[in-house]
Amino acid sequence: MRSGFGCLVGRPNTGKTTLTNALVGAKIGIISDRPQTTRHAIRGIVHRPDAQLVLVDTPGLHKPRTVLGQRLNDVVRTTLTGVDVVVWCVPANEKLGPGDRFIARELTQLRGASVIVAVTKTDLARPDQVAQQLLATSAQIDAAHFVPLSAKTGAGVDTLLGLLLDGLPTGPALYPEGTLSDEPEKVLVAELIREAALSELNQELPHSVAVTVEEMTPRPNSDLVDIQAVLYVERASQKPILLGRRGERIKSIGTRARVQIEALLGNRIYLDLHVKVLGDWQDDPKKLQRLGF
C-alpha cells in the first residue's frame, strides 16, 4: 500500500482546480476563469486498491498586492514543505512568463519532493505549441516527468495520476474509503456560493467578494437543510452591484448555487443570502481572520 500527499502549483488560472477535480473524479474545488479563484488549500482524496493520494489544490502563486495575496502565497509555500510529489501546472496555450520562471526557481529549491510538470489545456493549443511548451519547461527545471494533458477532455489525466501514485511512499491509508475531501461542509458550501457569484459578476469586483456560511441546520420534520450565508464586499458602492436591480442578481446567484449545494449535500436546501459591507477586508488582518484566512 502506498499513501501520501501531492499538490498542484502554478500561477493563477493555469487549470489547477479543473485538474484536481478530474484526478479526484468529483468536484471538490470551484472553477472560474478569474485569476485567484482558489483561496484555500483544498484537499481531495484519490482512492485505489493499493494506494491513496491526498491531492492539495493550492492558490496561484503571484506577486501580491494585498495582505490576502500574501497569505495565499504563504498557503502555497507551507503546502510545498509537506508533500511527496509536486505537479507544476503550465498552460500549453500561453508562453512562459516571469511568474512561471519564479515558480520554477522555487521548485528547484525543494527538498524531499519529486516534481512533475503538467502542460495543461492542450485542447486549446496546437500540437506544435504543446511541443514548444514541453521544451520550454524542461529548460527551466529538471523534473521527474513531463505530461501534456487536458483536464477538460481527460487526455493525459490517467497518465499523470499513475505517476503521482508511483511517487508516493509506502504507508497505510490516511482516510476512510469513499472520503473525497476533508474540507468542512460549511467551507465547501461557501465556496459554491462564491463560484455562483463569480459566474454572475462577469468582470465586476470578483476579488472583492468573500462568503461565509453563518448557519447550516436540518429543518425539523423535513428533508430540507436551512442555510444562511453572507456575501461580503469592501465598499458600500459594491453592494448594489451584487444585489442587482430589485435583487435580481443575488436571486440568480442563489439559484445557481442551490443546484450545486444540493448535489454536494444530497438534500434539498433553503438558501438565504445576505450582502454586507466589510471595508477593505483584503488588507485587514483581523477581518481576514474573521473570514477564515
C-alpha atoms as a PDB file:
ATOM      1  CA  MET A   1       0.000   0.000   0.000  1.00  0.00           C
ATOM      2  CA  ARG A   2       1.206   3.463  -0.907  1.00  0.00           C
ATOM      3  CA  SER A   3      -0.119   6.672   0.588  1.00  0.00           C
ATOM      4  CA  GLY A   4       0.925  10.290   0.736  1.00  0.00           C
ATOM      5  CA  PHE A   5       0.422  13.847  -0.384  1.00  0.00           C
ATOM      6  CA  GLY A   6       0.688  15.582  -3.726  1.00  0.00           C
ATOM      7  CA  CYS A   7      -0.025  19.187  -4.622  1.00  0.00           C
ATOM      8  CA  LEU A   8      -0.668  21.247  -7.721  1.00  0.00           C
ATOM      9  CA  VAL A   9       1.079  24.594  -8.050  1.00  0.00           C
ATOM     10  CA  GLY A  10       1.244  27.240 -10.740  1.00  0.00           C
ATOM     11  CA  ARG A  11       0.469  30.857 -11.359  1.00  0.00           C
ATOM     12  CA  PRO A  12      -3.205  31.905 -11.284  1.00  0.00           C
ATOM     13  CA  ASN A  13      -5.610  30.486 -13.856  1.00  0.00           C
ATOM     14  CA  THR A  14      -3.477  27.602 -15.122  1.00  0.00           C
ATOM     15  CA  GLY A  15      -6.157  24.921 -14.676  1.00  0.00           C
ATOM     16  CA  LYS A  16      -5.106  23.569 -11.279  1.00  0.00           C
ATOM     17  CA  THR A  17      -8.588  23.194  -9.833  1.00  0.00           C
ATOM     18  CA  THR A  18     -10.069  21.704 -13.003  1.00  0.00           C
ATOM     19  CA  LEU A  19      -7.241  19.175 -12.991  1.00  0.00           C
ATOM     20  CA  THR A  20      -7.706  18.444  -9.278  1.00  0.00           C
ATOM     21  CA  ASN A  21     -11.392  17.717  -9.847  1.00  0.00           C
ATOM     22  CA  ALA A  22     -10.550  15.464 -12.796  1.00  0.00           C
ATOM     23  CA  LEU A  23      -7.969  13.490 -10.784  1.00  0.00           C
ATOM     24  CA  VAL A  24     -10.290  13.058  -7.798  1.00  0.00           C
ATOM     25  CA  GLY A  25     -13.262  12.262 -10.020  1.00  0.00           C
ATOM     26  CA  ALA A  26     -15.540  14.709  -8.201  1.00  0.00           C
ATOM     27  CA  LYS A  27     -15.955  18.447  -7.808  1.00  0.00           C
ATOM     28  CA  ILE A  28     -14.071  19.477  -4.683  1.00  0.00           C
ATOM     29  CA  GLY A  29     -12.891  22.924  -5.823  1.00  0.00           C
ATOM     30  CA  ILE A  30     -14.667  25.786  -7.565  1.00  0.00           C
ATOM     31  CA  ILE A  31     -13.820  26.814 -11.093  1.00  0.00           C
ATOM     32  CA  SER A  32     -13.806  30.218 -12.764  1.00  0.00           C
ATOM     33  CA  ASP A  33     -11.793  31.954 -15.458  1.00  0.00           C
ATOM     34  CA  ARG A  34     -10.953  34.676 -12.911  1.00  0.00           C
ATOM     35  CA  PRO A  35      -7.388  34.604 -11.542  1.00  0.00           C
ATOM     36  CA  GLN A  36      -7.055  33.749  -7.837  1.00  0.00           C
ATOM     37  CA  THR A  37     -10.364  31.892  -7.719  1.00  0.00           C
ATOM     38  CA  THR A  38      -8.817  29.359  -5.310  1.00  0.00           C
ATOM     39  CA  ARG A  39      -8.247  30.938  -1.898  1.00  0.00           C
ATOM     40  CA  HIS A  40      -7.639  27.880   0.270  1.00  0.00           C
ATOM     41  CA  ALA A  41      -5.566  24.720   0.061  1.00  0.00           C
ATOM     42  CA  ILE A  42      -8.378  22.318  -0.848  1.00  0.00           C
ATOM     43  CA  ARG A  43      -7.652  18.619  -0.297  1.00  0.00           C
ATOM     44  CA  GLY A  44      -9.183  15.886  -2.438  1.00  0.00           C
ATOM     45  CA  ILE A  45      -8.605  12.177  -1.849  1.00  0.00           C
ATOM     46  CA  VAL A  46      -7.981   9.630  -4.615  1.00  0.00           C
ATOM     47  CA  HIS A  47      -8.635   6.006  -3.643  1.00  0.00           C
ATOM     48  CA  ARG A  48      -7.151   2.949  -5.330  1.00  0.00           C
ATOM     49  CA  PRO A  49      -6.979  -0.646  -4.051  1.00  0.00           C
ATOM     50  CA  ASP A  50      -3.233  -0.343  -3.450  1.00  0.00           C
ATOM     51  CA  ALA A  51      -2.822   3.423  -2.956  1.00  0.00           C
ATOM     52  CA  GLN A  52      -4.324   6.580  -1.530  1.00  0.00           C
ATOM     53  CA  LEU A  53      -3.343  10.031  -2.734  1.00  0.00           C
ATOM     54  CA  VAL A  54      -4.245  13.185  -0.811  1.00  0.00           C
ATOM     55  CA  LEU A  55      -4.160  15.874  -3.501  1.00  0.00           C
ATOM     56  CA  VAL A  56      -3.880  19.530  -2.475  1.00  0.00           C
ATOM     57  CA  ASP A  57      -5.066  22.236  -4.853  1.00  0.00           C
ATOM     58  CA  THR A  58      -3.299  25.489  -3.949  1.00  0.00           C
ATOM     59  CA  PRO A  59      -3.950  29.158  -4.789  1.00  0.00           C
ATOM     60  CA  GLY A  60      -1.957  30.568  -7.690  1.00  0.00           C
ATOM     61  CA  LEU A  61       1.464  31.940  -6.791  1.00  0.00           C
ATOM     62  CA  HIS A  62       1.563  35.602  -7.772  1.00  0.00           C
ATOM     63  CA  LYS A  63       3.020  38.994  -6.925  1.00  0.00           C
ATOM     64  CA  PRO A  64       0.801  40.025  -4.006  1.00  0.00           C
ATOM     65  CA  ARG A  65      -0.818  43.452  -3.854  1.00  0.00           C
ATOM     66  CA  THR A  66      -2.833  42.870  -0.667  1.00  0.00           C
ATOM     67  CA  VAL A  67      -2.475  41.114   2.676  1.00  0.00           C
ATOM     68  CA  LEU A  68      -4.848  38.480   1.297  1.00  0.00           C
ATOM     69  CA  GLY A  69      -2.454  37.917  -1.622  1.00  0.00           C
ATOM     70  CA  GLN A  70       0.467  37.489   0.772  1.00  0.00           C
ATOM     71  CA  ARG A  71      -1.486  34.949   2.792  1.00  0.00           C
ATOM     72  CA  LEU A  72      -2.432  32.987  -0.313  1.00  0.00           C
ATOM     73  CA  ASN A  73       1.255  32.754  -1.263  1.00  0.00           C
ATOM     74  CA  ASP A  74       2.051  31.629   2.284  1.00  0.00           C
ATOM     75  CA  VAL A  75      -0.520  28.835   1.914  1.00  0.00           C
ATOM     76  CA  VAL A  76       1.292  27.581  -1.192  1.00  0.00           C
ATOM     77  CA  ARG A  77       4.756  27.656   0.379  1.00  0.00           C
ATOM     78  CA  THR A  78       3.548  25.916   3.540  1.00  0.00           C
ATOM     79  CA  THR A  79       1.889  23.199   1.449  1.00  0.00           C
ATOM     80  CA  LEU A  80       5.057  22.603  -0.581  1.00  0.00           C
ATOM     81  CA  THR A  81       7.049  21.699   2.529  1.00  0.00           C
ATOM     82  CA  GLY A  82       4.769  18.793   3.440  1.00  0.00           C
ATOM     83  CA  VAL A  83       4.107  16.827   0.244  1.00  0.00           C
ATOM     84  CA  ASP A  84       5.719  13.891  -1.553  1.00  0.00           C
ATOM     85  CA  VAL A  85       5.031  14.914  -5.157  1.00  0.00           C
ATOM     86  CA  VAL A  86       4.526  18.373  -6.704  1.00  0.00           C
ATOM     87  CA  VAL A  87       2.789  18.999 -10.031  1.00  0.00           C
ATOM     88  CA  TRP A  88       3.751  22.277 -11.686  1.00  0.00           C
ATOM     89  CA  CYS A  89       0.884  23.319 -13.991  1.00  0.00           C
ATOM     90  CA  VAL A  90       1.766  25.350 -17.081  1.00  0.00           C
ATOM     91  CA  PRO A  91      -0.860  26.045 -19.779  1.00  0.00           C
ATOM     92  CA  ALA A  92       0.055  24.890 -23.267  1.00  0.00           C
ATOM     93  CA  ASN A  93      -1.516  27.906 -24.943  1.00  0.00           C
ATOM     94  CA  GLU A  94       0.491  30.598 -23.106  1.00  0.00           C
ATOM     95  CA  LYS A  95       4.195  31.342 -23.292  1.00  0.00           C
ATOM     96  CA  LEU A  96       6.259  31.093 -20.125  1.00  0.00           C
ATOM     97  CA  GLY A  97       6.436  34.377 -18.275  1.00  0.00           C
ATOM     98  CA  PRO A  98       8.207  35.824 -15.237  1.00  0.00           C
ATOM     99  CA  GLY A  99       5.661  34.200 -12.899  1.00  0.00           C
ATOM    100  CA  ASP A 100       6.353  30.742 -14.325  1.00  0.00           C
ATOM    101  CA  ARG A 101      10.111  31.199 -14.072  1.00  0.00           C
ATOM    102  CA  PHE A 102       9.722  32.381 -10.464  1.00  0.00           C
ATOM    103  CA  ILE A 103       7.805  29.198  -9.601  1.00  0.00           C
ATOM    104  CA  ALA A 104      10.413  27.056 -11.360  1.00  0.00           C
ATOM    105  CA  ARG A 105      13.137  28.613  -9.183  1.00  0.00           C
ATOM    106  CA  GLU A 106      11.060  27.951  -6.059  1.00  0.00           C
ATOM    107  CA  LEU A 107      10.574  24.306  -7.036  1.00  0.00           C
ATOM    108  CA  THR A 108      14.256  23.842  -7.817  1.00  0.00           C
ATOM    109  CA  GLN A 109      14.985  24.568  -4.163  1.00  0.00           C
ATOM    110  CA  LEU A 110      12.545  21.931  -2.887  1.00  0.00           C
ATOM    111  CA  ARG A 111      13.936  19.092  -0.829  1.00  0.00           C
ATOM    112  CA  GLY A 112      12.247  15.731  -0.388  1.00  0.00           C
ATOM    113  CA  ALA A 113       9.555  16.029  -3.078  1.00  0.00           C
ATOM    114  CA  SER A 114       9.717  14.968  -6.709  1.00  0.00           C
ATOM    115  CA  VAL A 115       8.384  17.346  -9.370  1.00  0.00           C
ATOM    116  CA  ILE A 116       6.159  16.555 -12.341  1.00  0.00           C
ATOM    117  CA  VAL A 117       5.441  19.182 -14.999  1.00  0.00           C
ATOM    118  CA  ALA A 118       1.869  19.128 -16.329  1.00  0.00           C
ATOM    119  CA  VAL A 119       1.417  21.072 -19.553  1.00  0.00           C
ATOM    120  CA  THR A 120      -2.301  21.790 -19.209  1.00  0.00           C
ATOM    121  CA  LYS A 121      -5.084  22.958 -21.542  1.00  0.00           C
ATOM    122  CA  THR A 122      -3.725  21.050 -24.544  1.00  0.00           C
ATOM    123  CA  ASP A 123      -7.232  21.175 -26.014  1.00  0.00           C
ATOM    124  CA  LEU A 124      -6.684  24.918 -26.522  1.00  0.00           C
ATOM    125  CA  ALA A 125      -3.286  24.589 -28.209  1.00  0.00           C
ATOM    126  CA  ARG A 126      -1.831  23.297 -31.446  1.00  0.00           C
ATOM    127  CA  PRO A 127       0.485  20.252 -31.296  1.00  0.00           C
ATOM    128  CA  ASP A 128       3.500  22.442 -32.063  1.00  0.00           C
ATOM    129  CA  GLN A 129       2.579  24.748 -29.160  1.00  0.00           C
ATOM    130  CA  VAL A 130       2.414  21.761 -26.818  1.00  0.00           C
ATOM    131  CA  ALA A 131       5.825  20.575 -28.003  1.00  0.00           C
ATOM    132  CA  GLN A 132       7.296  24.056 -27.560  1.00  0.00           C
ATOM    133  CA  GLN A 133       5.927  24.280 -24.018  1.00  0.00           C
ATOM    134  CA  LEU A 134       7.408  20.900 -23.113  1.00  0.00           C
ATOM    135  CA  LEU A 135      10.797  22.108 -24.336  1.00  0.00           C
ATOM    136  CA  ALA A 136      10.455  25.459 -22.589  1.00  0.00           C
ATOM    137  CA  THR A 137       9.577  23.911 -19.211  1.00  0.00           C
ATOM    138  CA  SER A 138      12.347  21.314 -19.481  1.00  0.00           C
ATOM    139  CA  ALA A 139      14.813  24.202 -19.848  1.00  0.00           C
ATOM    140  CA  GLN A 140      13.532  25.682 -16.570  1.00  0.00           C
ATOM    141  CA  ILE A 141      13.526  22.635 -14.302  1.00  0.00           C
ATOM    142  CA  ASP A 142      14.923  19.112 -14.091  1.00  0.00           C
ATOM    143  CA  ALA A 143      11.591  17.408 -13.375  1.00  0.00           C
ATOM    144  CA  ALA A 144      10.958  13.696 -12.972  1.00  0.00           C
ATOM    145  CA  HIS A 145       8.269  13.674 -15.700  1.00  0.00           C
ATOM    146  CA  PHE A 146       6.653  15.978 -18.253  1.00  0.00           C
ATOM    147  CA  VAL A 147       2.998  15.253 -19.071  1.00  0.00           C
ATOM    148  CA  PRO A 148       0.856  17.054 -21.673  1.00  0.00           C
ATOM    149  CA  LEU A 149      -2.830  16.843 -20.744  1.00  0.00           C
ATOM    150  CA  SER A 150      -6.291  18.321 -20.898  1.00  0.00           C
ATOM    151  CA  ALA A 151      -8.431  18.107 -17.771  1.00  0.00           C
ATOM    152  CA  LYS A 152     -11.400  19.148 -19.912  1.00  0.00           C
ATOM    153  CA  THR A 153     -11.167  16.215 -22.342  1.00  0.00           C
ATOM    154  CA  GLY A 154      -9.401  13.809 -19.973  1.00  0.00           C
ATOM    155  CA  ALA A 155      -6.424  13.281 -22.271  1.00  0.00           C
ATOM    156  CA  GLY A 156      -3.301  12.523 -20.227  1.00  0.00           C
ATOM    157  CA  VAL A 157      -5.065  12.715 -16.846  1.00  0.00           C
ATOM    158  CA  ASP A 158      -4.741   8.972 -16.133  1.00  0.00           C
ATOM    159  CA  THR A 159      -1.065   9.125 -17.079  1.00  0.00           C
ATOM    160  CA  LEU A 160      -0.466  11.898 -14.557  1.00  0.00           C
ATOM    161  CA  LEU A 161      -2.427  10.062 -11.875  1.00  0.00           C
ATOM    162  CA  GLY A 162      -0.342   6.933 -12.383  1.00  0.00           C
ATOM    163  CA  LEU A 163       2.873   8.909 -11.986  1.00  0.00           C
ATOM    164  CA  LEU A 164       1.546  10.613  -8.846  1.00  0.00           C
ATOM    165  CA  LEU A 165       0.630   7.281  -7.266  1.00  0.00           C
ATOM    166  CA  ASP A 166       4.020   5.789  -8.210  1.00  0.00           C
ATOM    167  CA  GLY A 167       5.732   8.682  -6.425  1.00  0.00           C
ATOM    168  CA  LEU A 168       4.080   8.009  -3.068  1.00  0.00           C
ATOM    169  CA  PRO A 169       5.899   6.304  -0.191  1.00  0.00           C
ATOM    170  CA  THR A 170       4.785   3.033   1.342  1.00  0.00           C
ATOM    171  CA  GLY A 171       2.208   3.548   4.075  1.00  0.00           C
ATOM    172  CA  PRO A 172      -1.353   2.891   5.272  1.00  0.00           C
ATOM    173  CA  ALA A 173      -4.454   4.706   4.021  1.00  0.00           C
ATOM    174  CA  LEU A 174      -4.893   8.109   5.664  1.00  0.00           C
ATOM    175  CA  TYR A 175      -8.665   8.469   5.177  1.00  0.00           C
ATOM    176  CA  PRO A 176     -11.634   6.056   5.176  1.00  0.00           C
ATOM    177  CA  GLU A 177     -12.666   4.597   1.822  1.00  0.00           C
ATOM    178  CA  GLY A 178     -15.077   6.879  -0.018  1.00  0.00           C
ATOM    179  CA  THR A 179     -13.895  10.148   1.545  1.00  0.00           C
ATOM    180  CA  LEU A 180     -13.495  12.698  -1.251  1.00  0.00           C
ATOM    181  CA  SER A 181     -12.359  15.714   0.789  1.00  0.00           C
ATOM    182  CA  ASP A 182     -11.633  16.609   4.392  1.00  0.00           C
ATOM    183  CA  GLU A 183     -12.919  20.167   3.996  1.00  0.00           C
ATOM    184  CA  PRO A 184     -15.814  21.091   6.342  1.00  0.00           C
ATOM    185  CA  GLU A 185     -19.164  21.196   4.553  1.00  0.00           C
ATOM    186  CA  LYS A 186     -19.606  24.854   5.500  1.00  0.00           C
ATOM    187  CA  VAL A 187     -16.388  25.755   3.668  1.00  0.00           C
ATOM    188  CA  LEU A 188     -17.415  23.823   0.549  1.00  0.00           C
ATOM    189  CA  VAL A 189     -20.885  25.415   0.579  1.00  0.00           C
ATOM    190  CA  ALA A 190     -19.395  28.913   0.953  1.00  0.00           C
ATOM    191  CA  GLU A 191     -17.105  28.234  -1.997  1.00  0.00           C
ATOM    192  CA  LEU A 192     -20.004  27.074  -4.182  1.00  0.00           C
ATOM    193  CA  ILE A 193     -21.848  30.320  -3.399  1.00  0.00           C
ATOM    194  CA  ARG A 194     -18.742  32.323  -4.318  1.00  0.00           C
ATOM    195  CA  GLU A 195     -18.424  30.351  -7.566  1.00  0.00           C
ATOM    196  CA  ALA A 196     -22.013  31.285  -8.430  1.00  0.00           C
ATOM    197  CA  ALA A 197     -21.261  34.927  -7.634  1.00  0.00           C
ATOM    198  CA  LEU A 198     -18.178  34.900  -9.871  1.00  0.00           C
ATOM    199  CA  SER A 199     -20.280  33.499 -12.718  1.00  0.00           C
ATOM    200  CA  GLU A 200     -22.852  36.264 -12.325  1.00  0.00           C
ATOM    201  CA  LEU A 201     -20.450  39.163 -11.828  1.00  0.00           C
ATOM    202  CA  ASN A 202     -18.516  38.783 -15.099  1.00  0.00           C
ATOM    203  CA  GLN A 203     -15.638  41.287 -14.784  1.00  0.00           C
ATOM    204  CA  GLU A 204     -17.154  43.189 -11.840  1.00  0.00           C
ATOM    205  CA  LEU A 205     -15.463  43.094  -8.405  1.00  0.00           C
ATOM    206  CA  PRO A 206     -14.614  39.341  -8.309  1.00  0.00           C
ATOM    207  CA  HIS A 207     -11.734  39.794  -5.831  1.00  0.00           C
ATOM    208  CA  SER A 208     -13.808  41.965  -3.507  1.00  0.00           C
ATOM    209  CA  VAL A 209     -16.313  39.215  -2.696  1.00  0.00           C
ATOM    210  CA  ALA A 210     -15.936  36.821   0.238  1.00  0.00           C
ATOM    211  CA  VAL A 211     -18.533  34.361   1.532  1.00  0.00           C
ATOM    212  CA  THR A 212     -19.200  32.860   4.945  1.00  0.00           C
ATOM    213  CA  VAL A 213     -21.886  30.362   5.937  1.00  0.00           C
ATOM    214  CA  GLU A 214     -23.393  31.571   9.211  1.00  0.00           C
ATOM    215  CA  GLU A 215     -25.837  28.715   9.799  1.00  0.00           C
ATOM    216  CA  MET A 216     -26.476  25.319   8.228  1.00  0.00           C
ATOM    217  CA  THR A 217     -29.050  23.235  10.059  1.00  0.00           C
ATOM    218  CA  PRO A 218     -31.524  20.483   9.116  1.00  0.00           C
ATOM    219  CA  ARG A 219     -35.121  21.689   9.358  1.00  0.00           C
ATOM    220  CA  PRO A 220     -37.102  19.708  11.953  1.00  0.00           C
ATOM    221  CA  ASN A 221     -39.549  17.157  10.490  1.00  0.00           C
ATOM    222  CA  SER A 222     -38.342  17.906   6.966  1.00  0.00           C
ATOM    223  CA  ASP A 223     -35.686  16.838   4.476  1.00  0.00           C
ATOM    224  CA  LEU A 224     -34.706  20.485   3.971  1.00  0.00           C
ATOM    225  CA  VAL A 225     -31.431  21.992   5.171  1.00  0.00           C
ATOM    226  CA  ASP A 226     -31.644  25.687   6.049  1.00  0.00           C
ATOM    227  CA  ILE A 227     -28.508  27.626   5.039  1.00  0.00           C
ATOM    228  CA  GLN A 228     -27.849  31.258   5.854  1.00  0.00           C
ATOM    229  CA  ALA A 229     -24.831  32.835   4.174  1.00  0.00           C
ATOM    230  CA  VAL A 230     -23.322  36.299   3.883  1.00  0.00           C
ATOM    231  CA  LEU A 231     -21.533  37.730   0.848  1.00  0.00           C
ATOM    232  CA  TYR A 232     -19.103  40.463   1.885  1.00  0.00           C
ATOM    233  CA  VAL A 233     -17.928  43.336  -0.302  1.00  0.00           C
ATOM    234  CA  GLU A 234     -15.374  46.022   0.501  1.00  0.00           C
ATOM    235  CA  ARG A 235     -17.279  49.223  -0.289  1.00  0.00           C
ATOM    236  CA  ALA A 236     -20.855  50.425   0.019  1.00  0.00           C
ATOM    237  CA  SER A 237     -20.928  51.194  -3.726  1.00  0.00           C
ATOM    238  CA  GLN A 238     -20.328  47.495  -4.465  1.00  0.00           C
ATOM    239  CA  LYS A 239     -23.363  46.263  -2.549  1.00  0.00           C
ATOM    240  CA  PRO A 240     -25.986  47.295  -5.152  1.00  0.00           C
ATOM    241  CA  ILE A 241     -23.846  45.675  -7.892  1.00  0.00           C
ATOM    242  CA  LEU A 242     -24.035  42.360  -6.072  1.00  0.00           C
ATOM    243  CA  LEU A 243     -27.723  42.721  -5.263  1.00  0.00           C
ATOM    244  CA  GLY A 244     -28.695  43.786  -8.778  1.00  0.00           C
ATOM    245  CA  ARG A 245     -31.792  45.667  -9.788  1.00  0.00           C
ATOM    246  CA  ARG A 246     -34.650  44.714  -7.470  1.00  0.00           C
ATOM    247  CA  GLY A 247     -32.470  41.949  -6.063  1.00  0.00           C
ATOM    248  CA  GLU A 248     -32.361  40.063  -9.367  1.00  0.00           C
ATOM    249  CA  ARG A 249     -28.625  39.321  -9.319  1.00  0.00           C
ATOM    250  CA  ILE A 250     -28.467  37.951  -5.775  1.00  0.00           C
ATOM    251  CA  LYS A 251     -31.534  35.845  -6.576  1.00  0.00           C
ATOM    252  CA  SER A 252     -29.779  34.442  -9.655  1.00  0.00           C
ATOM    253  CA  ILE A 253     -26.658  33.719  -7.586  1.00  0.00           C
ATOM    254  CA  GLY A 254     -28.813  31.792  -5.123  1.00  0.00           C
ATOM    255  CA  THR A 255     -30.440  29.782  -7.906  1.00  0.00           C
ATOM    256  CA  ARG A 256     -27.053  28.818  -9.382  1.00  0.00           C
ATOM    257  CA  ALA A 257     -25.579  27.928  -6.008  1.00  0.00           C
ATOM    258  CA  ARG A 258     -28.599  25.912  -4.871  1.00  0.00           C
ATOM    259  CA  VAL A 259     -28.178  23.338  -7.630  1.00  0.00           C
ATOM    260  CA  GLN A 260     -24.517  22.703  -6.745  1.00  0.00           C
ATOM    261  CA  ILE A 261     -25.102  22.682  -2.979  1.00  0.00           C
ATOM    262  CA  GLU A 262     -27.971  20.187  -3.210  1.00  0.00           C
ATOM    263  CA  ALA A 263     -25.748  17.908  -5.297  1.00  0.00           C
ATOM    264  CA  LEU A 264     -22.990  18.216  -2.673  1.00  0.00           C
ATOM    265  CA  LEU A 265     -25.204  17.594   0.367  1.00  0.00           C
ATOM    266  CA  GLY A 266     -27.666  15.168  -1.172  1.00  0.00           C
ATOM    267  CA  ASN A 267     -30.503  17.201   0.358  1.00  0.00           C
ATOM    268  CA  ARG A 268     -32.923  19.901  -0.688  1.00  0.00           C
ATOM    269  CA  ILE A 269     -31.940  23.257   0.773  1.00  0.00           C
ATOM    270  CA  TYR A 270     -33.417  26.629   1.596  1.00  0.00           C
ATOM    271  CA  LEU A 271     -30.720  29.198   0.856  1.00  0.00           C
ATOM    272  CA  ASP A 272     -30.919  32.628   2.475  1.00  0.00           C
ATOM    273  CA  LEU A 273     -28.297  35.061   1.139  1.00  0.00           C
ATOM    274  CA  HIS A 274     -27.384  38.474   2.561  1.00  0.00           C
ATOM    275  CA  VAL A 275     -24.900  41.103   1.342  1.00  0.00           C
ATOM    276  CA  LYS A 276     -22.838  43.112   3.832  1.00  0.00           C
ATOM    277  CA  VAL A 277     -20.020  45.648   3.602  1.00  0.00           C
ATOM    278  CA  LEU A 278     -16.733  44.818   5.336  1.00  0.00           C
ATOM    279  CA  GLY A 279     -14.458  47.714   4.468  1.00  0.00           C
ATOM    280  CA  ASP A 280     -11.130  46.883   2.766  1.00  0.00           C
ATOM    281  CA  TRP A 281     -11.159  43.358   4.152  1.00  0.00           C
ATOM    282  CA  GLN A 282      -8.400  42.172   1.793  1.00  0.00           C
ATOM    283  CA  ASP A 283      -5.836  44.369   3.614  1.00  0.00           C
ATOM    284  CA  ASP A 284      -7.029  43.997   7.204  1.00  0.00           C
ATOM    285  CA  PRO A 285      -5.514  41.018   9.099  1.00  0.00           C
ATOM    286  CA  LYS A 286      -8.325  40.936  11.698  1.00  0.00           C
ATOM    287  CA  LYS A 287     -11.031  40.962   9.034  1.00  0.00           C
ATOM    288  CA  LEU A 288      -9.189  38.286   7.056  1.00  0.00           C
ATOM    289  CA  GLN A 289      -9.103  36.096  10.137  1.00  0.00           C
ATOM    290  CA  ARG A 290     -12.821  36.641  10.639  1.00  0.00           C
ATOM    291  CA  LEU A 291     -13.397  35.463   7.064  1.00  0.00           C
ATOM    292  CA  GLY A 292     -11.272  32.345   7.561  1.00  0.00           C
ATOM    293  CA  PHE A 293      -7.953  33.445   6.011  1.00  0.00           C
END
